[in-house]
N, C-alpha and C. Protein backbone atom coordinates (compact mmCIF):
# COMPACT_ATOMS: atom_id res chain seq x y z
N ALA A 1 1.02 -1.09 0.05
CA ALA A 1 0.21 -0.38 -0.03
C ALA A 1 1.13 0.94 0.64
N ALA A 2 1.99 0.61 0.76
CA ALA A 2 2.99 2.60 0.42
C ALA A 2 3.30 2.52 -0.91
N PRO A 3 3.60 2.04 -1.55
CA PRO A 3 3.64 3.38 -2.85
C PRO A 3 3.39 3.44 -3.32
N VAL A 4 2.02 2.14 -3.88
CA VAL A 4 0.50 3.55 -3.90
C VAL A 4 0.37 4.92 -3.60
N ALA A 5 0.69 5.12 -2.45
CA ALA A 5 1.30 6.33 -1.35
C ALA A 5 1.90 6.91 -2.47
N MET A 6 2.35 6.89 -2.12
CA MET A 6 3.33 7.46 -2.62
C MET A 6 3.79 7.99 -4.37
N THR A 7 2.99 7.27 -5.02
CA THR A 7 2.51 7.42 -6.34
C THR A 7 1.43 8.53 -6.48
N THR A 8 0.33 8.76 -5.50
CA THR A 8 -0.08 9.43 -5.41
C THR A 8 0.13 10.77 -4.81
N VAL A 9 0.64 11.12 -4.14
CA VAL A 9 1.51 12.09 -4.17
C VAL A 9 2.00 13.03 -5.22
N GLN A 10 3.11 11.85 -5.59
CA GLN A 10 4.07 12.33 -6.82
C GLN A 10 2.77 13.25 -7.59
N GLY A 11 1.66 12.62 -7.75
CA GLY A 11 0.71 12.52 -9.12
C GLY A 11 0.46 14.11 -8.84
N VAL A 12 0.22 14.17 -8.13
CA VAL A 12 -0.64 16.13 -6.77
C VAL A 12 0.04 16.74 -7.10
N ALA A 13 1.63 16.10 -6.88
CA ALA A 13 2.66 17.15 -6.77
C ALA A 13 3.03 18.09 -8.51
N GLY A 14 2.76 16.71 -9.18
CA GLY A 14 2.97 16.85 -10.89
C GLY A 14 2.02 18.03 -11.40
N THR A 15 0.48 17.28 -10.72
CA THR A 15 -0.39 18.19 -11.05
C THR A 15 -0.62 19.25 -10.34
N GLU A 16 -0.13 20.20 -9.60
CA GLU A 16 0.33 21.35 -9.14
C GLU A 16 1.16 22.14 -9.86
N GLU A 17 2.20 21.51 -10.38
CA GLU A 17 3.61 22.75 -11.08
C GLU A 17 2.41 22.89 -12.34
N ALA A 18 2.31 21.89 -12.98
CA ALA A 18 1.16 22.26 -14.28
C ALA A 18 0.14 22.88 -14.50
N ALA A 19 -0.98 23.10 -13.50
CA ALA A 19 -1.52 24.38 -13.31
C ALA A 19 -0.80 25.78 -12.43
N ALA A 20 0.50 25.47 -11.84
CA ALA A 20 0.82 26.56 -11.73
C ALA A 20 2.01 28.18 -12.66
N GLU A 21 2.32 26.59 -14.02
CA GLU A 21 2.45 26.84 -15.86
C GLU A 21 1.18 27.12 -16.16
N GLU A 22 0.21 26.47 -16.45
CA GLU A 22 -0.69 27.64 -17.02
C GLU A 22 -0.66 28.38 -16.43
N GLU A 23 -1.17 28.50 -14.86
CA GLU A 23 -1.65 30.84 -15.06
C GLU A 23 -0.65 31.23 -15.20
N GLN A 24 0.38 30.57 -15.15
CA GLN A 24 1.56 32.30 -14.86
C GLN A 24 0.79 33.27 -15.54
N THR A 25 0.10 34.82 -15.59
CA THR A 25 0.34 35.69 -15.81
C THR A 25 1.22 36.43 -16.70
N GLU A 26 2.21 36.94 -15.76
CA GLU A 26 3.29 38.12 -15.87
C GLU A 26 4.51 37.55 -16.33
N PHE A 27 5.43 37.53 -16.40
CA PHE A 27 6.78 37.51 -17.30
C PHE A 27 7.28 37.83 -17.15
N ASN A 28 8.84 38.34 -17.29
CA ASN A 28 9.11 38.55 -17.68
C ASN A 28 10.33 38.46 -19.28
N VAL A 29 11.04 39.37 -19.68
CA VAL A 29 12.23 39.75 -21.04
C VAL A 29 13.23 39.46 -20.54
N THR A 30 14.12 38.05 -20.89
CA THR A 30 15.62 38.04 -20.14
C THR A 30 16.57 38.53 -21.22
N LEU A 31 17.41 39.84 -21.44
CA LEU A 31 18.57 40.03 -23.15
C LEU A 31 19.39 39.16 -22.26
N LYS A 32 19.94 37.39 -23.23
CA LYS A 32 20.76 36.29 -23.13
C LYS A 32 22.00 36.94 -23.16
N GLU A 33 22.14 37.41 -25.19
CA GLU A 33 23.35 38.08 -25.38
C GLU A 33 23.07 38.56 -26.22
N ILE A 34 23.95 39.53 -26.60
CA ILE A 34 23.75 40.83 -27.18
C ILE A 34 23.80 40.04 -28.75
N GLY A 35 24.86 39.57 -29.28
CA GLY A 35 24.49 39.17 -30.61
C GLY A 35 25.95 40.04 -31.06
N PRO A 36 25.26 39.60 -32.93
CA PRO A 36 26.78 40.64 -33.98
C PRO A 36 25.83 41.70 -34.02
N ASN A 37 24.80 42.39 -33.37
CA ASN A 37 24.43 43.59 -34.19
C ASN A 37 23.87 44.46 -32.57
N LYS A 38 24.80 45.27 -31.87
CA LYS A 38 25.03 45.10 -30.17
C LYS A 38 24.06 47.25 -30.50
N ILE A 39 24.25 47.72 -31.72
CA ILE A 39 24.00 48.74 -31.90
C ILE A 39 23.10 48.80 -32.19
N ASN A 40 22.00 48.21 -32.66
CA ASN A 40 20.87 47.57 -32.81
C ASN A 40 20.24 47.82 -31.63
N VAL A 41 20.65 46.35 -31.30
CA VAL A 41 20.22 45.78 -29.78
C VAL A 41 20.10 46.87 -29.00
N ILE A 42 21.03 47.82 -28.89
CA ILE A 42 20.74 48.96 -27.74
C ILE A 42 19.29 50.02 -28.28
N LYS A 43 19.45 49.89 -30.17
CA LYS A 43 18.68 50.63 -30.21
C LYS A 43 16.59 50.08 -30.01
N ALA A 44 16.49 48.87 -29.56
CA ALA A 44 15.92 47.93 -29.55
C ALA A 44 15.22 48.28 -28.44
N VAL A 45 15.46 49.10 -27.41
CA VAL A 45 15.29 48.45 -26.43
C VAL A 45 15.64 50.51 -25.77
N ARG A 46 15.99 51.04 -26.43
CA ARG A 46 15.66 51.84 -26.37
C ARG A 46 13.97 52.47 -26.88
N GLU A 47 13.64 51.96 -27.90
CA GLU A 47 11.96 52.30 -28.25
C GLU A 47 11.23 50.66 -27.36
N VAL A 48 11.53 50.27 -26.24
CA VAL A 48 10.35 49.20 -25.65
C VAL A 48 11.22 49.75 -23.72
N THR A 49 11.70 50.86 -24.15
CA THR A 49 12.47 50.56 -22.93
C THR A 49 12.30 52.10 -22.18
N THR A 50 11.70 53.52 -21.70
CA THR A 50 11.73 54.47 -21.04
C THR A 50 13.82 55.35 -21.42
N LEU A 51 14.47 54.22 -21.37
CA LEU A 51 16.38 54.38 -21.26
C LEU A 51 16.55 56.00 -22.03
N GLY A 52 17.39 56.33 -22.15
CA GLY A 52 18.50 57.00 -22.73
C GLY A 52 18.84 56.12 -23.55
N LEU A 53 19.94 56.80 -24.58
CA LEU A 53 21.24 56.05 -24.88
C LEU A 53 22.07 55.89 -24.38
N LYS A 54 22.43 56.49 -23.48
CA LYS A 54 23.57 55.98 -21.66
C LYS A 54 23.10 54.31 -21.45
N GLU A 55 21.61 54.46 -21.13
CA GLU A 55 21.35 53.64 -20.16
C GLU A 55 20.30 52.88 -20.79
N ALA A 56 20.71 52.59 -22.23
CA ALA A 56 20.34 51.92 -22.98
C ALA A 56 21.74 50.51 -23.34
N LYS A 57 22.77 50.97 -23.47
CA LYS A 57 23.77 50.60 -23.42
C LYS A 57 24.52 50.18 -23.20
N GLU A 58 23.87 50.48 -21.91
CA GLU A 58 24.88 49.75 -20.33
C GLU A 58 23.84 49.09 -19.91
N LEU A 59 22.34 48.66 -20.21
CA LEU A 59 21.52 47.48 -20.37
C LEU A 59 22.04 46.67 -21.06
N VAL A 60 22.06 46.36 -21.61
CA VAL A 60 22.37 45.72 -22.87
C VAL A 60 23.97 45.62 -22.79
N GLU A 61 24.55 45.39 -22.07
CA GLU A 61 26.03 45.90 -22.09
C GLU A 61 26.85 44.77 -21.06
N SER A 62 25.46 44.71 -19.97
CA SER A 62 24.67 44.24 -18.64
C SER A 62 24.64 42.66 -17.93
N ALA A 63 24.44 42.14 -20.09
CA ALA A 63 23.24 40.58 -20.78
C ALA A 63 23.95 39.79 -19.97
N PRO A 64 23.03 39.29 -18.92
CA PRO A 64 21.37 38.72 -19.45
C PRO A 64 21.49 38.99 -17.98
N THR A 65 19.99 39.87 -18.52
CA THR A 65 19.65 40.83 -17.96
C THR A 65 18.09 40.88 -17.77
N ALA A 66 17.54 42.40 -17.03
CA ALA A 66 15.75 41.88 -17.62
C ALA A 66 16.12 43.01 -18.60
N VAL A 67 14.95 42.97 -19.11
CA VAL A 67 15.12 44.21 -20.61
C VAL A 67 13.84 45.16 -19.58
N LYS A 68 12.33 43.75 -19.57
CA LYS A 68 11.11 44.35 -18.65
C LYS A 68 10.65 43.19 -18.02
N GLU A 69 9.95 43.32 -17.25
CA GLU A 69 9.24 42.63 -15.75
C GLU A 69 7.36 42.38 -15.54
N GLY A 70 6.86 41.80 -15.76
CA GLY A 70 5.51 41.83 -15.49
C GLY A 70 5.11 41.92 -16.26
N LEU A 71 5.06 41.02 -17.77
CA LEU A 71 4.43 41.75 -19.06
C LEU A 71 3.51 40.51 -19.11
N GLY A 72 2.29 40.84 -20.02
CA GLY A 72 1.58 39.10 -20.60
C GLY A 72 2.23 39.28 -21.39
N LYS A 73 2.17 37.55 -21.47
CA LYS A 73 1.73 36.58 -22.67
C LYS A 73 2.69 37.37 -23.84
N GLU A 74 1.39 38.35 -23.98
CA GLU A 74 1.20 38.84 -25.96
C GLU A 74 2.69 40.16 -25.99
N ASP A 75 2.94 40.83 -24.97
CA ASP A 75 3.88 41.73 -25.01
C ASP A 75 4.99 41.37 -24.65
N ALA A 76 5.05 40.59 -23.49
CA ALA A 76 5.96 39.57 -24.07
C ALA A 76 6.82 38.39 -24.67
N ASP A 77 6.71 38.40 -26.22
CA ASP A 77 5.79 37.78 -27.25
C ASP A 77 6.71 38.75 -28.00
N GLU A 78 5.66 39.83 -27.67
CA GLU A 78 5.84 40.51 -28.43
C GLU A 78 7.67 42.10 -28.47
N LEU A 79 7.64 41.65 -27.43
CA LEU A 79 8.90 42.41 -26.94
C LEU A 79 9.82 41.40 -27.28
N LYS A 80 9.89 39.43 -27.16
CA LYS A 80 11.14 39.61 -27.63
C LYS A 80 11.07 39.44 -28.81
N ALA A 81 9.92 39.31 -30.33
CA ALA A 81 9.81 39.06 -31.48
C ALA A 81 11.04 40.40 -31.43
N LYS A 82 11.07 41.61 -31.04
CA LYS A 82 11.40 42.85 -31.22
C LYS A 82 13.10 43.29 -31.14
N LEU A 83 13.44 42.39 -29.70
CA LEU A 83 14.78 41.81 -29.30
C LEU A 83 15.59 41.31 -31.19
N GLU A 84 14.86 40.11 -30.63
CA GLU A 84 15.58 39.21 -31.72
C GLU A 84 16.05 39.62 -33.11
N GLY A 85 14.45 40.25 -34.13
CA GLY A 85 14.49 41.21 -34.85
C GLY A 85 15.73 41.97 -35.09
N ALA A 86 16.24 41.97 -33.30
CA ALA A 86 17.57 43.63 -33.20
C ALA A 86 19.37 42.86 -33.44
N GLY A 87 18.64 41.21 -33.89
CA GLY A 87 20.23 40.41 -33.39
C GLY A 87 20.03 39.48 -31.59
N ALA A 88 19.81 40.12 -30.85
CA ALA A 88 20.23 39.85 -29.88
C ALA A 88 18.82 38.44 -29.12
N VAL A 89 19.81 37.99 -28.09
CA VAL A 89 18.83 36.48 -27.85
C VAL A 89 18.66 36.13 -26.16
N VAL A 90 16.90 35.83 -27.08
CA VAL A 90 15.84 36.62 -25.23
C VAL A 90 15.32 35.78 -25.23
N ALA A 91 15.12 35.90 -23.36
CA ALA A 91 13.96 35.17 -22.66
C ALA A 91 12.85 34.99 -22.51
N VAL A 92 11.39 34.75 -22.52
CA VAL A 92 10.49 34.71 -22.25
C VAL A 92 10.46 33.74 -20.64
N GLU A 93 10.31 35.02 -19.50
CA GLU A 93 10.28 33.75 -17.92
C GLU A 93 9.22 34.17 -17.54
């Protein structure tokens, strides 16, 4: 009977983790690598943030770093596409 109980407990934990992933409503966009076009990435970061040139450059050069946090899924995906279009490696977490 003990192995059945352990399986049940693991099954419940797995279900809770899956539900937590499905319910994620806020996403962070992280710049992982600058890529070959640093200037284009800096321009893209400036477009999507309120940062000035110096601040955007510092943010890009400090990769890996968060570009924006607490975004909805659609906004996070749009931001990721824009940064990837500039040549950066980006993750939505």
